[in-house]
Amino acid sequence: MTPFKPRFNIFIPSLRLTGILVGLNLLIFMISGFIENIGFEELKHKEVYLFAVGILAIGFSWVGLTVSFLKKTRNYTITDTFIKKYNFLNFSNTYYYKNDVKGFSTCKIRTRHLHYEMLTIYLCDDTKIDLEQFAYFNFSRIQFELYEKGYDYLGEEDYVPNFFGREYQF
């Protein structure tokens, strides 16, 4: 059988990188503006609290975008015998052979405004690979190709978020 390579959506990491740079500039701008005003006596407590909330909000958003950019800038090639992960940031390949793969599951994620799908590949060493719908142009074919190439379908799972990501069922 011929290998299947999902078409990676390069716009998503580009947007994440843009958000990282804008967030970093905002953090630098806010901190430098605050440092300039430290010496003045008219600095109110309200301004200090507003600054702290702004730093926390922008900081957490920046960290989230950075982690997402570093962890999800990858493409995969699916064959009968292995799944190859290609990392765009360090140009490296990682091979997951079929006996290392427990199976895959699907998940529907619903937010207030968005509904999208995610496919999770479970490895035998308890590592998980999440493939999100908006990261691949031909996402709808990934599940079919995994099934056709003989990988086990574990079923559909509920998306249960927690503080550090999500809970997995398989």
N, C-alpha and C. Protein backbone atom coordinates (compact mmCIF):
# COMPACT_ATOMS: atom_id res chain seq x y z
N MET A 1 0.84 -1.18 0.00
CA MET A 1 0.00 0.00 0.00
C MET A 1 0.89 1.25 0.00
N THR A 2 0.37 2.29 -0.55
CA THR A 2 1.13 3.54 -0.63
C THR A 2 1.04 4.30 0.69
N PRO A 3 2.12 4.98 1.08
CA PRO A 3 2.07 5.77 2.31
C PRO A 3 1.13 6.96 2.17
N PHE A 4 0.54 7.32 3.27
CA PHE A 4 -0.36 8.48 3.31
C PHE A 4 0.30 9.57 4.14
N LYS A 5 0.34 10.77 3.58
CA LYS A 5 0.92 11.91 4.27
C LYS A 5 -0.14 13.02 4.33
N PRO A 6 -0.65 13.32 5.53
CA PRO A 6 -1.62 14.42 5.64
C PRO A 6 -1.00 15.74 5.20
N ARG A 7 -1.83 16.58 4.59
CA ARG A 7 -1.34 17.89 4.14
C ARG A 7 -1.38 18.86 5.31
N PHE A 8 -0.20 19.22 5.79
CA PHE A 8 -0.04 20.07 6.96
C PHE A 8 -0.47 21.50 6.64
N ASN A 9 -1.23 22.10 7.54
CA ASN A 9 -1.71 23.47 7.39
C ASN A 9 -0.67 24.43 7.97
N ILE A 10 0.16 25.00 7.13
CA ILE A 10 1.27 25.85 7.57
C ILE A 10 0.79 27.19 8.17
N PHE A 11 -0.48 27.55 7.91
CA PHE A 11 -1.01 28.81 8.44
C PHE A 11 -1.15 28.78 9.96
N ILE A 12 -1.44 27.62 10.52
CA ILE A 12 -1.63 27.51 11.98
C ILE A 12 -0.34 27.83 12.73
N PRO A 13 0.81 27.18 12.42
CA PRO A 13 2.04 27.58 13.13
C PRO A 13 2.46 29.01 12.83
N SER A 14 2.15 29.51 11.64
CA SER A 14 2.47 30.91 11.31
C SER A 14 1.68 31.86 12.21
N LEU A 15 0.41 31.57 12.42
CA LEU A 15 -0.41 32.39 13.32
C LEU A 15 0.07 32.29 14.76
N ARG A 16 0.45 31.08 15.17
CA ARG A 16 0.96 30.91 16.53
C ARG A 16 2.26 31.69 16.72
N LEU A 17 3.15 31.63 15.75
CA LEU A 17 4.41 32.36 15.84
C LEU A 17 4.17 33.87 15.88
N THR A 18 3.23 34.34 15.08
CA THR A 18 2.86 35.76 15.10
C THR A 18 2.32 36.14 16.48
N GLY A 19 1.47 35.30 17.05
CA GLY A 19 0.94 35.56 18.38
C GLY A 19 2.03 35.58 19.45
N ILE A 20 3.01 34.68 19.30
CA ILE A 20 4.13 34.65 20.24
C ILE A 20 4.91 35.96 20.18
N LEU A 21 5.21 36.44 18.98
CA LEU A 21 5.98 37.67 18.82
C LEU A 21 5.19 38.90 19.31
N VAL A 22 3.91 38.95 18.99
CA VAL A 22 3.08 40.07 19.45
C VAL A 22 2.97 40.05 20.98
N GLY A 23 2.74 38.86 21.55
CA GLY A 23 2.64 38.74 23.01
C GLY A 23 3.92 39.13 23.71
N LEU A 24 5.05 38.74 23.14
CA LEU A 24 6.34 39.10 23.73
C LEU A 24 6.54 40.62 23.69
N ASN A 25 6.17 41.23 22.56
CA ASN A 25 6.27 42.70 22.46
C ASN A 25 5.34 43.39 23.46
N LEU A 26 4.14 42.87 23.64
CA LEU A 26 3.21 43.45 24.62
C LEU A 26 3.77 43.33 26.04
N LEU A 27 4.34 42.16 26.37
CA LEU A 27 4.93 42.00 27.69
C LEU A 27 6.06 43.00 27.92
N ILE A 28 6.94 43.13 26.94
CA ILE A 28 8.06 44.07 27.06
C ILE A 28 7.54 45.50 27.18
N PHE A 29 6.54 45.85 26.39
CA PHE A 29 5.95 47.20 26.43
C PHE A 29 5.32 47.48 27.79
N MET A 30 4.57 46.51 28.33
CA MET A 30 3.92 46.72 29.62
C MET A 30 4.94 46.83 30.74
N ILE A 31 5.95 45.97 30.73
CA ILE A 31 6.95 46.00 31.79
C ILE A 31 7.77 47.29 31.73
N SER A 32 8.18 47.69 30.53
CA SER A 32 8.97 48.93 30.42
C SER A 32 8.13 50.15 30.81
N GLY A 33 6.85 50.18 30.45
CA GLY A 33 5.99 51.28 30.85
C GLY A 33 5.77 51.33 32.35
N PHE A 34 5.68 50.17 32.97
CA PHE A 34 5.51 50.13 34.42
C PHE A 34 6.78 50.57 35.13
N ILE A 35 7.93 50.14 34.63
CA ILE A 35 9.21 50.51 35.26
C ILE A 35 9.42 52.03 35.20
N GLU A 36 9.00 52.66 34.13
CA GLU A 36 9.13 54.12 34.00
C GLU A 36 8.30 54.85 35.05
N ASN A 37 7.16 54.26 35.46
CA ASN A 37 6.25 54.91 36.42
C ASN A 37 6.52 54.53 37.86
N ILE A 38 7.48 53.68 38.14
CA ILE A 38 7.71 53.23 39.52
C ILE A 38 8.10 54.38 40.44
N GLY A 39 8.88 55.30 39.96
CA GLY A 39 9.38 56.39 40.81
C GLY A 39 8.32 57.41 41.17
N PHE A 40 7.20 57.45 40.52
CA PHE A 40 6.19 58.48 40.79
C PHE A 40 5.32 58.08 41.98
N GLU A 41 5.02 59.06 42.81
CA GLU A 41 4.20 58.82 44.00
C GLU A 41 2.73 58.63 43.66
N GLU A 42 2.30 59.12 42.51
CA GLU A 42 0.87 59.04 42.19
C GLU A 42 0.46 57.68 41.62
N LEU A 43 1.35 56.71 41.63
CA LEU A 43 1.01 55.37 41.17
C LEU A 43 0.03 54.75 42.17
N LYS A 44 -1.14 54.45 41.71
CA LYS A 44 -2.22 53.96 42.58
C LYS A 44 -2.19 52.43 42.65
N HIS A 45 -2.83 51.91 43.68
CA HIS A 45 -2.92 50.46 43.83
C HIS A 45 -3.71 49.84 42.68
N LYS A 46 -4.69 50.56 42.20
CA LYS A 46 -5.50 50.06 41.09
C LYS A 46 -4.64 49.83 39.85
N GLU A 47 -3.71 50.72 39.62
CA GLU A 47 -2.82 50.58 38.46
C GLU A 47 -1.89 49.38 38.62
N VAL A 48 -1.43 49.14 39.83
CA VAL A 48 -0.57 47.99 40.09
C VAL A 48 -1.35 46.69 39.87
N TYR A 49 -2.58 46.63 40.35
CA TYR A 49 -3.39 45.43 40.15
C TYR A 49 -3.71 45.22 38.68
N LEU A 50 -4.04 46.29 37.99
CA LEU A 50 -4.32 46.19 36.56
C LEU A 50 -3.09 45.70 35.80
N PHE A 51 -1.93 46.20 36.18
CA PHE A 51 -0.69 45.75 35.57
C PHE A 51 -0.46 44.26 35.83
N ALA A 52 -0.67 43.82 37.05
CA ALA A 52 -0.46 42.41 37.40
C ALA A 52 -1.42 41.50 36.63
N VAL A 53 -2.68 41.90 36.54
CA VAL A 53 -3.65 41.11 35.78
C VAL A 53 -3.27 41.07 34.30
N GLY A 54 -2.86 42.20 33.75
CA GLY A 54 -2.45 42.24 32.35
C GLY A 54 -1.24 41.37 32.08
N ILE A 55 -0.26 41.43 32.97
CA ILE A 55 0.95 40.59 32.81
C ILE A 55 0.58 39.12 32.89
N LEU A 56 -0.28 38.75 33.85
CA LEU A 56 -0.68 37.35 33.97
C LEU A 56 -1.45 36.87 32.73
N ALA A 57 -2.40 37.67 32.25
CA ALA A 57 -3.20 37.26 31.10
C ALA A 57 -2.35 37.12 29.85
N ILE A 58 -1.54 38.11 29.58
CA ILE A 58 -0.69 38.05 28.38
C ILE A 58 0.38 36.98 28.56
N GLY A 59 0.91 36.85 29.76
CA GLY A 59 1.94 35.84 30.01
C GLY A 59 1.42 34.42 29.82
N PHE A 60 0.24 34.11 30.37
CA PHE A 60 -0.32 32.77 30.19
C PHE A 60 -0.66 32.50 28.73
N SER A 61 -1.20 33.49 28.04
CA SER A 61 -1.49 33.32 26.61
C SER A 61 -0.21 33.09 25.83
N TRP A 62 0.82 33.83 26.16
CA TRP A 62 2.09 33.69 25.47
C TRP A 62 2.69 32.30 25.70
N VAL A 63 2.65 31.83 26.94
CA VAL A 63 3.18 30.50 27.25
C VAL A 63 2.37 29.43 26.52
N GLY A 64 1.04 29.56 26.50
CA GLY A 64 0.21 28.59 25.80
C GLY A 64 0.51 28.53 24.31
N LEU A 65 0.66 29.70 23.68
CA LEU A 65 1.00 29.73 22.26
C LEU A 65 2.38 29.14 22.00
N THR A 66 3.32 29.43 22.87
CA THR A 66 4.68 28.92 22.70
C THR A 66 4.71 27.40 22.82
N VAL A 67 4.06 26.86 23.84
CA VAL A 67 4.02 25.40 24.01
C VAL A 67 3.31 24.75 22.83
N SER A 68 2.21 25.33 22.40
CA SER A 68 1.48 24.79 21.25
C SER A 68 2.33 24.82 19.98
N PHE A 69 3.05 25.90 19.78
CA PHE A 69 3.92 26.01 18.60
C PHE A 69 5.01 24.96 18.64
N LEU A 70 5.62 24.76 19.80
CA LEU A 70 6.72 23.80 19.91
C LEU A 70 6.26 22.35 19.82
N LYS A 71 5.06 22.05 20.32
CA LYS A 71 4.61 20.66 20.37
C LYS A 71 3.83 20.22 19.13
N LYS A 72 3.27 21.15 18.37
CA LYS A 72 2.35 20.75 17.31
C LYS A 72 2.78 21.17 15.92
N THR A 73 4.05 21.50 15.74
CA THR A 73 4.54 21.85 14.41
C THR A 73 5.19 20.60 13.82
N ARG A 74 4.33 19.62 13.50
CA ARG A 74 4.80 18.32 13.03
C ARG A 74 3.86 17.79 11.95
N ASN A 75 4.43 16.95 11.10
CA ASN A 75 3.62 16.24 10.11
C ASN A 75 3.92 14.75 10.23
N TYR A 76 3.05 13.95 9.70
CA TYR A 76 3.15 12.50 9.85
C TYR A 76 3.02 11.82 8.49
N THR A 77 3.64 10.66 8.38
CA THR A 77 3.47 9.77 7.23
C THR A 77 3.00 8.44 7.79
N ILE A 78 1.89 7.93 7.25
CA ILE A 78 1.30 6.70 7.76
C ILE A 78 1.50 5.61 6.72
N THR A 79 2.13 4.50 7.13
CA THR A 79 2.32 3.35 6.25
C THR A 79 1.77 2.10 6.93
N ASP A 80 1.88 0.96 6.26
CA ASP A 80 1.42 -0.31 6.84
C ASP A 80 2.26 -0.74 8.03
N THR A 81 3.51 -0.35 8.07
CA THR A 81 4.43 -0.86 9.10
C THR A 81 4.84 0.18 10.14
N PHE A 82 4.70 1.46 9.85
CA PHE A 82 5.12 2.48 10.82
C PHE A 82 4.39 3.79 10.56
N ILE A 83 4.49 4.67 11.57
CA ILE A 83 4.05 6.07 11.45
C ILE A 83 5.29 6.91 11.66
N LYS A 84 5.61 7.76 10.70
CA LYS A 84 6.79 8.61 10.80
C LYS A 84 6.36 10.03 11.18
N LYS A 85 7.00 10.55 12.23
CA LYS A 85 6.73 11.92 12.66
C LYS A 85 7.88 12.79 12.18
N TYR A 86 7.54 13.86 11.47
CA TYR A 86 8.55 14.81 11.00
C TYR A 86 8.36 16.11 11.76
N ASN A 87 9.40 16.55 12.46
CA ASN A 87 9.36 17.78 13.23
C ASN A 87 9.94 18.90 12.37
N PHE A 88 9.12 19.91 12.10
CA PHE A 88 9.55 21.03 11.25
C PHE A 88 10.56 21.95 11.93
N LEU A 89 10.63 21.94 13.25
CA LEU A 89 11.50 22.87 13.96
C LEU A 89 12.95 22.41 14.00
N ASN A 90 13.17 21.10 14.15
CA ASN A 90 14.56 20.62 14.17
C ASN A 90 14.85 19.63 13.04
N PHE A 91 13.93 19.51 12.09
CA PHE A 91 14.10 18.69 10.90
C PHE A 91 14.46 17.24 11.23
N SER A 92 13.81 16.68 12.22
CA SER A 92 14.11 15.31 12.63
C SER A 92 12.92 14.39 12.35
N ASN A 93 13.20 13.11 12.19
CA ASN A 93 12.19 12.08 11.99
C ASN A 93 12.17 11.15 13.20
N THR A 94 10.98 10.74 13.60
CA THR A 94 10.80 9.73 14.63
C THR A 94 9.87 8.68 14.06
N TYR A 95 10.23 7.43 14.21
CA TYR A 95 9.43 6.32 13.68
C TYR A 95 8.73 5.60 14.82
N TYR A 96 7.43 5.36 14.65
CA TYR A 96 6.64 4.56 15.57
C TYR A 96 6.18 3.33 14.77
N TYR A 97 6.75 2.18 15.09
CA TYR A 97 6.40 0.97 14.36
C TYR A 97 5.06 0.44 14.82
N LYS A 98 4.43 -0.34 13.97
CA LYS A 98 3.06 -0.78 14.21
C LYS A 98 2.90 -1.52 15.54
N ASN A 99 3.90 -2.30 15.94
CA ASN A 99 3.78 -3.01 17.22
C ASN A 99 3.94 -2.06 18.41
N ASP A 100 4.38 -0.82 18.18
CA ASP A 100 4.47 0.19 19.24
C ASP A 100 3.17 1.00 19.38
N VAL A 101 2.24 0.81 18.44
CA VAL A 101 0.99 1.59 18.42
C VAL A 101 -0.13 0.73 18.99
N LYS A 102 -0.75 1.23 20.06
CA LYS A 102 -1.89 0.53 20.66
C LYS A 102 -3.14 0.68 19.80
N GLY A 103 -3.36 1.87 19.24
CA GLY A 103 -4.53 2.14 18.41
C GLY A 103 -4.79 3.63 18.32
N PHE A 104 -5.95 3.97 17.81
CA PHE A 104 -6.31 5.39 17.70
C PHE A 104 -7.76 5.58 18.06
N SER A 105 -8.10 6.79 18.45
CA SER A 105 -9.48 7.13 18.80
C SER A 105 -9.81 8.49 18.22
N THR A 106 -11.09 8.78 18.16
CA THR A 106 -11.56 10.08 17.68
C THR A 106 -12.26 10.80 18.83
N CYS A 107 -12.33 12.10 18.68
CA CYS A 107 -12.91 12.93 19.73
C CYS A 107 -13.49 14.18 19.09
N LYS A 108 -14.65 14.60 19.56
CA LYS A 108 -15.24 15.86 19.10
C LYS A 108 -15.10 16.89 20.21
N ILE A 109 -14.54 18.04 19.85
CA ILE A 109 -14.33 19.11 20.82
C ILE A 109 -15.33 20.21 20.54
N ARG A 110 -16.07 20.57 21.57
CA ARG A 110 -17.07 21.63 21.43
C ARG A 110 -16.75 22.75 22.39
N THR A 111 -16.60 23.94 21.83
CA THR A 111 -16.47 25.13 22.65
C THR A 111 -17.70 25.97 22.39
N ARG A 112 -17.72 27.15 22.93
CA ARG A 112 -18.90 28.00 22.74
C ARG A 112 -19.13 28.34 21.27
N HIS A 113 -18.06 28.59 20.53
CA HIS A 113 -18.19 29.03 19.15
C HIS A 113 -17.65 28.04 18.13
N LEU A 114 -16.83 27.11 18.55
CA LEU A 114 -16.17 26.19 17.62
C LEU A 114 -16.53 24.74 17.91
N HIS A 115 -16.61 23.96 16.86
CA HIS A 115 -16.76 22.51 16.96
C HIS A 115 -15.75 21.92 15.99
N TYR A 116 -14.83 21.13 16.52
CA TYR A 116 -13.86 20.49 15.64
C TYR A 116 -13.51 19.12 16.19
N GLU A 117 -12.83 18.34 15.37
CA GLU A 117 -12.50 16.97 15.73
C GLU A 117 -11.01 16.84 16.01
N MET A 118 -10.69 15.80 16.76
CA MET A 118 -9.30 15.48 17.05
C MET A 118 -9.16 13.96 17.00
N LEU A 119 -8.04 13.52 16.50
CA LEU A 119 -7.73 12.11 16.44
C LEU A 119 -6.50 11.87 17.33
N THR A 120 -6.57 10.88 18.19
CA THR A 120 -5.48 10.58 19.11
C THR A 120 -4.92 9.21 18.79
N ILE A 121 -3.61 9.15 18.59
CA ILE A 121 -2.93 7.88 18.38
C ILE A 121 -2.28 7.51 19.70
N TYR A 122 -2.64 6.33 20.23
CA TYR A 122 -2.11 5.84 21.50
C TYR A 122 -0.94 4.90 21.24
N LEU A 123 0.18 5.16 21.89
CA LEU A 123 1.34 4.29 21.78
C LEU A 123 1.40 3.38 23.00
N CYS A 124 2.08 2.26 22.88
CA CYS A 124 2.16 1.28 23.97
C CYS A 124 2.89 1.81 25.19
N ASP A 125 3.76 2.80 25.04
CA ASP A 125 4.48 3.37 26.18
C ASP A 125 3.71 4.51 26.84
N ASP A 126 2.40 4.58 26.63
CA ASP A 126 1.49 5.58 27.19
C ASP A 126 1.71 6.99 26.63
N THR A 127 2.41 7.10 25.52
CA THR A 127 2.54 8.37 24.84
C THR A 127 1.33 8.55 23.93
N LYS A 128 0.88 9.77 23.80
CA LYS A 128 -0.27 10.06 22.93
C LYS A 128 0.12 11.08 21.88
N ILE A 129 -0.40 10.90 20.68
CA ILE A 129 -0.18 11.85 19.59
C ILE A 129 -1.54 12.42 19.23
N ASP A 130 -1.74 13.71 19.42
CA ASP A 130 -3.00 14.37 19.10
C ASP A 130 -2.89 15.05 17.74
N LEU A 131 -3.83 14.73 16.85
CA LEU A 131 -3.90 15.36 15.54
C LEU A 131 -5.21 16.15 15.50
N GLU A 132 -5.11 17.47 15.39
CA GLU A 132 -6.29 18.32 15.41
C GLU A 132 -6.76 18.63 14.00
N GLN A 133 -8.04 18.79 13.84
CA GLN A 133 -8.66 18.97 12.53
C GLN A 133 -8.10 20.17 11.78
N PHE A 134 -7.94 21.29 12.44
CA PHE A 134 -7.52 22.50 11.74
C PHE A 134 -6.04 22.50 11.38
N ALA A 135 -5.27 21.52 11.86
CA ALA A 135 -3.84 21.47 11.56
C ALA A 135 -3.54 20.74 10.25
N TYR A 136 -4.54 20.08 9.66
CA TYR A 136 -4.32 19.31 8.43
C TYR A 136 -5.48 19.58 7.47
N PHE A 137 -5.12 19.85 6.22
CA PHE A 137 -6.14 20.16 5.23
C PHE A 137 -7.00 18.94 4.90
N ASN A 138 -6.41 17.74 4.86
CA ASN A 138 -7.16 16.53 4.54
C ASN A 138 -7.35 15.66 5.78
N PHE A 139 -7.75 16.29 6.87
CA PHE A 139 -7.93 15.60 8.15
C PHE A 139 -8.93 14.46 8.05
N SER A 140 -9.97 14.63 7.27
CA SER A 140 -11.03 13.62 7.19
C SER A 140 -10.52 12.28 6.67
N ARG A 141 -9.41 12.25 5.96
CA ARG A 141 -8.86 11.00 5.42
C ARG A 141 -7.95 10.28 6.41
N ILE A 142 -7.49 10.94 7.45
CA ILE A 142 -6.53 10.33 8.37
C ILE A 142 -7.12 9.10 9.05
N GLN A 143 -8.33 9.21 9.58
CA GLN A 143 -8.97 8.06 10.24
C GLN A 143 -9.13 6.89 9.28
N PHE A 144 -9.60 7.17 8.08
CA PHE A 144 -9.77 6.13 7.07
C PHE A 144 -8.44 5.44 6.75
N GLU A 145 -7.39 6.23 6.56
CA GLU A 145 -6.08 5.67 6.21
C GLU A 145 -5.50 4.83 7.35
N LEU A 146 -5.66 5.27 8.59
CA LEU A 146 -5.19 4.46 9.71
C LEU A 146 -5.92 3.13 9.78
N TYR A 147 -7.22 3.17 9.57
CA TYR A 147 -8.02 1.95 9.59
C TYR A 147 -7.64 1.03 8.43
N GLU A 148 -7.46 1.59 7.25
CA GLU A 148 -7.09 0.80 6.06
C GLU A 148 -5.70 0.18 6.19
N LYS A 149 -4.82 0.84 6.90
CA LYS A 149 -3.46 0.33 7.05
C LYS A 149 -3.33 -0.63 8.22
N GLY A 150 -4.45 -0.96 8.88
CA GLY A 150 -4.46 -2.01 9.89
C GLY A 150 -4.26 -1.58 11.32
N TYR A 151 -4.34 -0.29 11.61
CA TYR A 151 -4.23 0.18 12.99
C TYR A 151 -5.58 0.01 13.68
N ASP A 152 -5.57 -0.34 14.96
CA ASP A 152 -6.80 -0.62 15.70
C ASP A 152 -7.53 0.67 16.04
N TYR A 153 -8.85 0.66 15.78
CA TYR A 153 -9.70 1.78 16.16
C TYR A 153 -10.25 1.48 17.55
N LEU A 154 -9.93 2.31 18.53
CA LEU A 154 -10.33 2.09 19.91
C LEU A 154 -11.71 2.65 20.22
N GLY A 155 -12.23 3.53 19.37
CA GLY A 155 -13.55 4.09 19.55
C GLY A 155 -13.51 5.60 19.70
N GLU A 156 -14.70 6.15 19.92
CA GLU A 156 -14.81 7.59 20.12
C GLU A 156 -14.81 7.87 21.61
N GLU A 157 -14.12 8.92 22.00
CA GLU A 157 -14.04 9.27 23.41
C GLU A 157 -14.55 10.68 23.64
N ASP A 158 -14.94 10.95 24.86
CA ASP A 158 -15.38 12.29 25.23
C ASP A 158 -14.17 13.16 25.50
N TYR A 159 -14.29 14.41 25.15
CA TYR A 159 -13.22 15.37 25.45
C TYR A 159 -13.47 15.92 26.84
N VAL A 160 -12.57 15.58 27.78
CA VAL A 160 -12.69 16.04 29.16
C VAL A 160 -11.45 16.87 29.48
N PRO A 161 -11.58 18.20 29.47
CA PRO A 161 -10.40 19.03 29.76
C PRO A 161 -10.07 19.02 31.25
N ASN A 162 -8.79 19.20 31.55
CA ASN A 162 -8.37 19.43 32.92
C ASN A 162 -7.35 20.56 32.90
N PHE A 163 -6.76 20.85 34.03
CA PHE A 163 -5.88 22.02 34.13
C PHE A 163 -4.64 21.90 33.25
N PHE A 164 -4.14 20.70 33.06
CA PHE A 164 -2.91 20.50 32.29
C PHE A 164 -3.15 19.97 30.88
N GLY A 165 -4.34 20.00 30.37
CA GLY A 165 -4.62 19.52 29.01
C GLY A 165 -5.96 18.83 28.95
N ARG A 166 -5.93 17.50 28.90
CA ARG A 166 -7.17 16.74 28.82
C ARG A 166 -6.96 15.37 29.41
N GLU A 167 -8.07 14.70 29.71
CA GLU A 167 -8.03 13.33 30.22
C GLU A 167 -8.27 12.39 29.06
N TYR A 168 -7.49 11.34 29.00
CA TYR A 168 -7.59 10.35 27.94
C TYR A 168 -8.30 9.11 28.50
N GLN A 169 -9.09 8.43 27.64
CA GLN A 169 -9.86 7.28 28.10
C GLN A 169 -9.22 5.95 27.76
N PHE A 170 -8.32 5.92 26.82
CA PHE A 170 -7.75 4.63 26.41
C PHE A 170 -6.28 4.54 26.77
